[in-house]
PDB file of all heavy atoms in Angstrom:
ATOM      1  N   ALA A   1       2.137  29.386  -5.320  1.00  0.00           N
ATOM      2  CA  ALA A   1       1.574  30.312  -6.314  1.00  0.00           C
ATOM      3  C   ALA A   1       2.541  30.484  -7.489  1.00  0.00           C
ATOM      4  O   ALA A   1       2.129  30.481  -8.659  1.00  0.00           O
ATOM      5  CB  ALA A   1       1.277  31.660  -5.663  1.00  0.00           C
ATOM      6  N   ALA A   2       3.848  30.621  -7.174  1.00  0.00           N
ATOM      7  CA  ALA A   2       4.844  30.774  -8.235  1.00  0.00           C
ATOM      8  C   ALA A   2       4.943  29.519  -9.089  1.00  0.00           C
ATOM      9  O   ALA A   2       5.043  29.582 -10.323  1.00  0.00           O
ATOM     10  CB  ALA A   2       6.201  31.116  -7.622  1.00  0.00           C
ATOM     11  N   LEU A   3       4.890  28.364  -8.433  1.00  0.00           N
ATOM     12  CA  LEU A   3       4.986  27.103  -9.174  1.00  0.00           C
ATOM     13  C   LEU A   3       3.717  26.834  -9.980  1.00  0.00           C
ATOM     14  O   LEU A   3       3.775  26.220 -11.053  1.00  0.00           O
ATOM     15  CB  LEU A   3       5.250  25.950  -8.201  1.00  0.00           C
ATOM     16  CG  LEU A   3       6.619  25.969  -7.485  1.00  0.00           C
ATOM     17  CD1 LEU A   3       6.718  24.814  -6.511  1.00  0.00           C
ATOM     18  CD2 LEU A   3       7.748  25.902  -8.495  1.00  0.00           C
ATOM     19  N   THR A   4       2.572  27.285  -9.482  1.00  0.00           N
ATOM     20  CA  THR A   4       1.318  27.111 -10.222  1.00  0.00           C
ATOM     21  C   THR A   4       1.388  27.837 -11.564  1.00  0.00           C
ATOM     22  O   THR A   4       0.920  27.328 -12.594  1.00  0.00           O
ATOM     23  CB  THR A   4       0.128  27.633  -9.397  1.00  0.00           C
ATOM     24  OG1 THR A   4       0.041  26.886  -8.177  1.00  0.00           O
ATOM     25  CG2 THR A   4      -1.177  27.485 -10.169  1.00  0.00           C
ATOM     26  N   GLU A   5       1.982  29.033 -11.564  1.00  0.00           N
ATOM     27  CA  GLU A   5       2.140  29.777 -12.811  1.00  0.00           C
ATOM     28  C   GLU A   5       3.033  29.033 -13.802  1.00  0.00           C
ATOM     29  O   GLU A   5       2.904  29.197 -15.009  1.00  0.00           O
ATOM     30  CB  GLU A   5       2.734  31.160 -12.525  1.00  0.00           C
ATOM     31  CG  GLU A   5       1.800  32.081 -11.744  1.00  0.00           C
ATOM     32  CD  GLU A   5       2.425  33.439 -11.488  1.00  0.00           C
ATOM     33  OE1 GLU A   5       3.543  33.677 -12.007  1.00  0.00           O
ATOM     34  OE2 GLU A   5       1.810  34.254 -10.778  1.00  0.00           O
ATOM     35  N   ALA A   6       3.925  28.179 -13.280  1.00  0.00           N
ATOM     36  CA  ALA A   6       4.828  27.416 -14.147  1.00  0.00           C
ATOM     37  C   ALA A   6       4.228  26.081 -14.567  1.00  0.00           C
ATOM     38  O   ALA A   6       4.892  25.294 -15.243  1.00  0.00           O
ATOM     39  CB  ALA A   6       6.150  27.182 -13.429  1.00  0.00           C
ATOM     40  N   GLY A   7       2.984  25.781 -14.134  1.00  0.00           N
ATOM     41  CA  GLY A   7       2.319  24.560 -14.576  1.00  0.00           C
ATOM     42  C   GLY A   7       2.087  23.515 -13.509  1.00  0.00           C
ATOM     43  O   GLY A   7       1.494  22.468 -13.780  1.00  0.00           O
ATOM     44  N   PHE A   8       2.533  23.777 -12.276  1.00  0.00           N
ATOM     45  CA  PHE A   8       2.295  22.830 -11.190  1.00  0.00           C
ATOM     46  C   PHE A   8       0.848  22.967 -10.705  1.00  0.00           C
ATOM     47  O   PHE A   8       0.279  24.060 -10.725  1.00  0.00           O
ATOM     48  CB  PHE A   8       3.246  23.092 -10.025  1.00  0.00           C
ATOM     49  CG  PHE A   8       4.669  22.668 -10.289  1.00  0.00           C
ATOM     50  CD1 PHE A   8       5.522  23.472 -11.036  1.00  0.00           C
ATOM     51  CD2 PHE A   8       5.155  21.476  -9.790  1.00  0.00           C
ATOM     52  CE1 PHE A   8       6.835  23.102 -11.271  1.00  0.00           C
ATOM     53  CE2 PHE A   8       6.472  21.085 -10.013  1.00  0.00           C
ATOM     54  CZ  PHE A   8       7.309  21.900 -10.762  1.00  0.00           C
ATOM     55  N   ASP A   9       0.276  21.844 -10.261  1.00  0.00           N
ATOM     56  CA  ASP A   9      -1.103  21.843  -9.775  1.00  0.00           C
ATOM     57  C   ASP A   9      -1.111  21.312  -8.344  1.00  0.00           C
ATOM     58  O   ASP A   9      -0.781  20.140  -8.108  1.00  0.00           O
ATOM     59  CB  ASP A   9      -1.993  20.976 -10.678  1.00  0.00           C
ATOM     60  CG  ASP A   9      -3.459  21.060 -10.281  1.00  0.00           C
ATOM     61  OD1 ASP A   9      -3.782  21.742  -9.297  1.00  0.00           O
ATOM     62  OD2 ASP A   9      -4.292  20.420 -10.969  1.00  0.00           O
ATOM     63  N   PHE A  10      -1.506  22.164  -7.377  1.00  0.00           N
ATOM     64  CA  PHE A  10      -1.462  21.770  -5.969  1.00  0.00           C
ATOM     65  C   PHE A  10      -2.848  21.485  -5.384  1.00  0.00           C
ATOM     66  O   PHE A  10      -2.989  21.359  -4.166  1.00  0.00           O
ATOM     67  CB  PHE A  10      -0.760  22.861  -5.144  1.00  0.00           C
ATOM     68  CG  PHE A  10       0.688  23.010  -5.497  1.00  0.00           C
ATOM     69  CD1 PHE A  10       1.118  24.039  -6.313  1.00  0.00           C
ATOM     70  CD2 PHE A  10       1.617  22.100  -5.033  1.00  0.00           C
ATOM     71  CE1 PHE A  10       2.449  24.171  -6.648  1.00  0.00           C
ATOM     72  CE2 PHE A  10       2.964  22.223  -5.359  1.00  0.00           C
ATOM     73  CZ  PHE A  10       3.380  23.263  -6.172  1.00  0.00           C
ATOM     74  N   THR A  11      -3.846  21.382  -6.223  1.00  0.00           N
ATOM     75  CA  THR A  11      -5.172  21.006  -5.732  1.00  0.00           C
ATOM     76  C   THR A  11      -5.197  19.502  -5.462  1.00  0.00           C
ATOM     77  O   THR A  11      -4.436  18.728  -6.064  1.00  0.00           O
ATOM     78  CB  THR A  11      -6.262  21.361  -6.752  1.00  0.00           C
ATOM     79  OG1 THR A  11      -5.992  20.692  -7.990  1.00  0.00           O
ATOM     80  CG2 THR A  11      -6.299  22.861  -6.996  1.00  0.00           C
ATOM     81  N   ARG A  12      -6.048  19.091  -4.553  1.00  0.00           N
ATOM     82  CA  ARG A  12      -6.202  17.666  -4.268  1.00  0.00           C
ATOM     83  C   ARG A  12      -6.736  16.959  -5.519  1.00  0.00           C
ATOM     84  O   ARG A  12      -7.731  17.386  -6.106  1.00  0.00           O
ATOM     85  CB  ARG A  12      -7.153  17.454  -3.100  1.00  0.00           C
ATOM     86  CG  ARG A  12      -6.553  17.807  -1.746  1.00  0.00           C
ATOM     87  CD  ARG A  12      -5.537  16.772  -1.328  1.00  0.00           C
ATOM     88  NE  ARG A  12      -4.853  17.131  -0.086  1.00  0.00           N
ATOM     89  CZ  ARG A  12      -3.880  16.420   0.451  1.00  0.00           C
ATOM     90  NH1 ARG A  12      -3.471  15.326  -0.160  1.00  0.00           N
ATOM     91  NH2 ARG A  12      -3.302  16.806   1.559  1.00  0.00           N
ATOM     92  N   GLN A  13      -6.081  15.867  -5.906  1.00  0.00           N
ATOM     93  CA  GLN A  13      -6.374  15.191  -7.161  1.00  0.00           C
ATOM     94  C   GLN A  13      -7.303  13.989  -6.960  1.00  0.00           C
ATOM     95  O   GLN A  13      -7.202  13.277  -5.960  1.00  0.00           O
ATOM     96  CB  GLN A  13      -5.079  14.707  -7.813  1.00  0.00           C
ATOM     97  CG  GLN A  13      -4.060  15.804  -8.090  1.00  0.00           C
ATOM     98  CD  GLN A  13      -4.515  16.740  -9.184  1.00  0.00           C
ATOM     99  OE1 GLN A  13      -4.845  16.315 -10.295  1.00  0.00           O
ATOM    100  NE2 GLN A  13      -4.541  18.030  -8.863  1.00  0.00           N
ATOM    101  N   VAL A  14      -8.189  13.783  -7.933  1.00  0.00           N
ATOM    102  CA  VAL A  14      -8.954  12.542  -8.040  1.00  0.00           C
ATOM    103  C   VAL A  14      -8.653  11.992  -9.436  1.00  0.00           C
ATOM    104  O   VAL A  14      -9.202  12.470 -10.427  1.00  0.00           O
ATOM    105  CB  VAL A  14     -10.467  12.770  -7.872  1.00  0.00           C
ATOM    106  CG1 VAL A  14     -11.209  11.442  -8.026  1.00  0.00           C
ATOM    107  CG2 VAL A  14     -10.780  13.388  -6.512  1.00  0.00           C
ATOM    108  N   PRO A  15      -7.743  11.008  -9.543  1.00  0.00           N
ATOM    109  CA  PRO A  15      -7.327  10.524 -10.852  1.00  0.00           C
ATOM    110  C   PRO A  15      -8.480   9.862 -11.610  1.00  0.00           C
ATOM    111  O   PRO A  15      -9.488   9.455 -11.016  1.00  0.00           O
ATOM    112  CB  PRO A  15      -6.235   9.491 -10.530  1.00  0.00           C
ATOM    113  CG  PRO A  15      -5.862   9.740  -9.113  1.00  0.00           C
ATOM    114  CD  PRO A  15      -7.082  10.299  -8.451  1.00  0.00           C
ATOM    115  N   PRO A  16      -8.359   9.730 -12.940  1.00  0.00           N
ATOM    116  CA  PRO A  16      -9.354   8.981 -13.718  1.00  0.00           C
ATOM    117  C   PRO A  16      -9.436   7.538 -13.227  1.00  0.00           C
ATOM    118  O   PRO A  16      -8.478   7.007 -12.643  1.00  0.00           O
ATOM    119  CB  PRO A  16      -8.806   9.048 -15.152  1.00  0.00           C
ATOM    120  CG  PRO A  16      -7.860  10.193 -15.161  1.00  0.00           C
ATOM    121  CD  PRO A  16      -7.294  10.292 -13.775  1.00  0.00           C
ATOM    122  N   MET A  17     -10.568   6.891 -13.475  1.00  0.00           N
ATOM    123  CA  MET A  17     -10.787   5.542 -12.977  1.00  0.00           C
ATOM    124  C   MET A  17      -9.713   4.565 -13.454  1.00  0.00           C
ATOM    125  O   MET A  17      -9.271   3.699 -12.694  1.00  0.00           O
ATOM    126  CB  MET A  17     -12.172   5.044 -13.399  1.00  0.00           C
ATOM    127  CG  MET A  17     -12.513   3.639 -12.895  1.00  0.00           C
ATOM    128  SD  MET A  17     -12.347   3.443 -11.090  1.00  0.00           S
ATOM    129  CE  MET A  17     -13.661   4.522 -10.531  1.00  0.00           C
ATOM    130  N   ILE A  18      -9.266   4.709 -14.687  1.00  0.00           N
ATOM    131  CA  ILE A  18      -8.243   3.791 -15.192  1.00  0.00           C
ATOM    132  C   ILE A  18      -6.949   3.945 -14.395  1.00  0.00           C
ATOM    133  O   ILE A  18      -6.246   2.968 -14.130  1.00  0.00           O
ATOM    134  CB  ILE A  18      -8.005   4.029 -16.711  1.00  0.00           C
ATOM    135  CG1 ILE A  18      -7.092   2.947 -17.272  1.00  0.00           C
ATOM    136  CG2 ILE A  18      -7.454   5.415 -16.971  1.00  0.00           C
ATOM    137  CD1 ILE A  18      -7.675   1.577 -17.287  1.00  0.00           C
ATOM    138  N   ASN A  19      -6.634   5.172 -13.981  1.00  0.00           N
ATOM    139  CA  ASN A  19      -5.446   5.397 -13.151  1.00  0.00           C
ATOM    140  C   ASN A  19      -5.624   4.808 -11.760  1.00  0.00           C
ATOM    141  O   ASN A  19      -4.693   4.244 -11.179  1.00  0.00           O
ATOM    142  CB  ASN A  19      -5.157   6.892 -13.039  1.00  0.00           C
ATOM    143  CG  ASN A  19      -4.628   7.492 -14.331  1.00  0.00           C
ATOM    144  OD1 ASN A  19      -5.012   7.057 -15.416  1.00  0.00           O
ATOM    145  ND2 ASN A  19      -3.761   8.482 -14.237  1.00  0.00           N
ATOM    146  N   ILE A  20      -6.837   4.945 -11.211  1.00  0.00           N
ATOM    147  CA  ILE A  20      -7.112   4.381  -9.890  1.00  0.00           C
ATOM    148  C   ILE A  20      -6.951   2.864  -9.915  1.00  0.00           C
ATOM    149  O   ILE A  20      -6.367   2.269  -8.999  1.00  0.00           O
ATOM    150  CB  ILE A  20      -8.540   4.773  -9.433  1.00  0.00           C
ATOM    151  CG1 ILE A  20      -8.587   6.272  -9.120  1.00  0.00           C
ATOM    152  CG2 ILE A  20      -8.964   3.960  -8.218  1.00  0.00           C
ATOM    153  CD1 ILE A  20      -9.958   6.781  -8.736  1.00  0.00           C
ATOM    154  N   ILE A  21      -7.436   2.235 -10.973  1.00  0.00           N
ATOM    155  CA  ILE A  21      -7.280   0.781 -11.105  1.00  0.00           C
ATOM    156  C   ILE A  21      -5.798   0.415 -11.153  1.00  0.00           C
ATOM    157  O   ILE A  21      -5.353  -0.560 -10.541  1.00  0.00           O
ATOM    158  CB  ILE A  21      -8.018   0.276 -12.368  1.00  0.00           C
ATOM    159  CG1 ILE A  21      -9.524   0.440 -12.191  1.00  0.00           C
ATOM    160  CG2 ILE A  21      -7.669  -1.191 -12.646  1.00  0.00           C
ATOM    161  CD1 ILE A  21     -10.333   0.139 -13.440  1.00  0.00           C
ATOM    162  N   GLY A  22      -5.010   1.225 -11.886  1.00  0.00           N
ATOM    163  CA  GLY A  22      -3.573   0.974 -11.954  1.00  0.00           C
ATOM    164  C   GLY A  22      -2.905   1.109 -10.601  1.00  0.00           C
ATOM    165  O   GLY A  22      -2.011   0.317 -10.247  1.00  0.00           O
ATOM    166  N   ILE A  23      -3.320   2.106  -9.796  1.00  0.00           N
ATOM    167  CA  ILE A  23      -2.755   2.285  -8.452  1.00  0.00           C
ATOM    168  C   ILE A  23      -3.102   1.086  -7.566  1.00  0.00           C
ATOM    169  O   ILE A  23      -2.255   0.583  -6.814  1.00  0.00           O
ATOM    170  CB  ILE A  23      -3.262   3.598  -7.826  1.00  0.00           C
ATOM    171  CG1 ILE A  23      -2.759   4.799  -8.620  1.00  0.00           C
ATOM    172  CG2 ILE A  23      -2.815   3.702  -6.368  1.00  0.00           C
ATOM    173  CD1 ILE A  23      -3.390   6.119  -8.207  1.00  0.00           C
ATOM    174  N   VAL A  24      -4.347   0.615  -7.658  1.00  0.00           N
ATOM    175  CA  VAL A  24      -4.756  -0.561  -6.883  1.00  0.00           C
ATOM    176  C   VAL A  24      -3.907  -1.766  -7.273  1.00  0.00           C
ATOM    177  O   VAL A  24      -3.447  -2.539  -6.413  1.00  0.00           O
ATOM    178  CB  VAL A  24      -6.253  -0.857  -7.092  1.00  0.00           C
ATOM    179  CG1 VAL A  24      -6.623  -2.209  -6.468  1.00  0.00           C
ATOM    180  CG2 VAL A  24      -7.111   0.245  -6.476  1.00  0.00           C
ATOM    181  N   LEU A  25      -3.661  -1.943  -8.572  1.00  0.00           N
ATOM    182  CA  LEU A  25      -2.833  -3.068  -9.027  1.00  0.00           C
ATOM    183  C   LEU A  25      -1.411  -2.947  -8.485  1.00  0.00           C
ATOM    184  O   LEU A  25      -0.796  -3.956  -8.096  1.00  0.00           O
ATOM    185  CB  LEU A  25      -2.814  -3.123 -10.554  1.00  0.00           C
ATOM    186  CG  LEU A  25      -4.132  -3.526 -11.224  1.00  0.00           C
ATOM    187  CD1 LEU A  25      -4.016  -3.430 -12.741  1.00  0.00           C
ATOM    188  CD2 LEU A  25      -4.537  -4.940 -10.807  1.00  0.00           C
ATOM    189  N   ALA A  26      -0.875  -1.722  -8.446  1.00  0.00           N
ATOM    190  CA  ALA A  26       0.460  -1.515  -7.889  1.00  0.00           C
ATOM    191  C   ALA A  26       0.485  -1.882  -6.404  1.00  0.00           C
ATOM    192  O   ALA A  26       1.426  -2.533  -5.924  1.00  0.00           O
ATOM    193  CB  ALA A  26       0.898  -0.068  -8.086  1.00  0.00           C
ATOM    194  N   LEU A  27      -0.551  -1.473  -5.670  1.00  0.00           N
ATOM    195  CA  LEU A  27      -0.638  -1.812  -4.252  1.00  0.00           C
ATOM    196  C   LEU A  27      -0.803  -3.311  -4.045  1.00  0.00           C
ATOM    197  O   LEU A  27      -0.288  -3.883  -3.078  1.00  0.00           O
ATOM    198  CB  LEU A  27      -1.792  -1.051  -3.602  1.00  0.00           C
ATOM    199  CG  LEU A  27      -1.588   0.462  -3.457  1.00  0.00           C
ATOM    200  CD1 LEU A  27      -2.884   1.135  -3.031  1.00  0.00           C
ATOM    201  CD2 LEU A  27      -0.483   0.767  -2.464  1.00  0.00           C
ATOM    202  N   LEU A  28      -1.517  -3.959  -4.953  1.00  0.00           N
ATOM    203  CA  LEU A  28      -1.668  -5.419  -4.863  1.00  0.00           C
ATOM    204  C   LEU A  28      -0.324  -6.116  -5.079  1.00  0.00           C
ATOM    205  O   LEU A  28      -0.042  -7.142  -4.446  1.00  0.00           O
ATOM    206  CB  LEU A  28      -2.692  -5.912  -5.887  1.00  0.00           C
ATOM    207  CG  LEU A  28      -4.151  -5.561  -5.591  1.00  0.00           C
ATOM    208  CD1 LEU A  28      -5.062  -6.043  -6.708  1.00  0.00           C
ATOM    209  CD2 LEU A  28      -4.594  -6.162  -4.261  1.00  0.00           C
ATOM    210  N   MET A  29       0.492  -5.569  -5.963  1.00  0.00           N
ATOM    211  CA  MET A  29       1.835  -6.133  -6.137  1.00  0.00           C
ATOM    212  C   MET A  29       2.644  -5.990  -4.847  1.00  0.00           C
ATOM    213  O   MET A  29       3.350  -6.917  -4.434  1.00  0.00           O
ATOM    214  CB  MET A  29       2.550  -5.431  -7.292  1.00  0.00           C
ATOM    215  CG  MET A  29       3.984  -5.926  -7.518  1.00  0.00           C
ATOM    216  SD  MET A  29       4.101  -7.727  -7.764  1.00  0.00           S
ATOM    217  CE  MET A  29       3.303  -7.864  -9.369  1.00  0.00           C
ATOM    218  N   LEU A  30       2.536  -4.832  -4.181  1.00  0.00           N
ATOM    219  CA  LEU A  30       3.186  -4.675  -2.888  1.00  0.00           C
ATOM    220  C   LEU A  30       2.608  -5.661  -1.876  1.00  0.00           C
ATOM    221  O   LEU A  30       3.330  -6.205  -1.029  1.00  0.00           O
ATOM    222  CB  LEU A  30       3.004  -3.239  -2.377  1.00  0.00           C
ATOM    223  CG  LEU A  30       3.770  -2.144  -3.118  1.00  0.00           C
ATOM    224  CD1 LEU A  30       3.360  -0.770  -2.598  1.00  0.00           C
ATOM    225  CD2 LEU A  30       5.275  -2.326  -2.973  1.00  0.00           C
TER     226      LEU A  30
END
């Protein structure tokens, strides 16, 4: 709660599609 007031976001995230594609590419490199 204290960190949320400072700008942190602790909700479960669903990144934009372009970010998801980037994550998949990173995993493919691994």
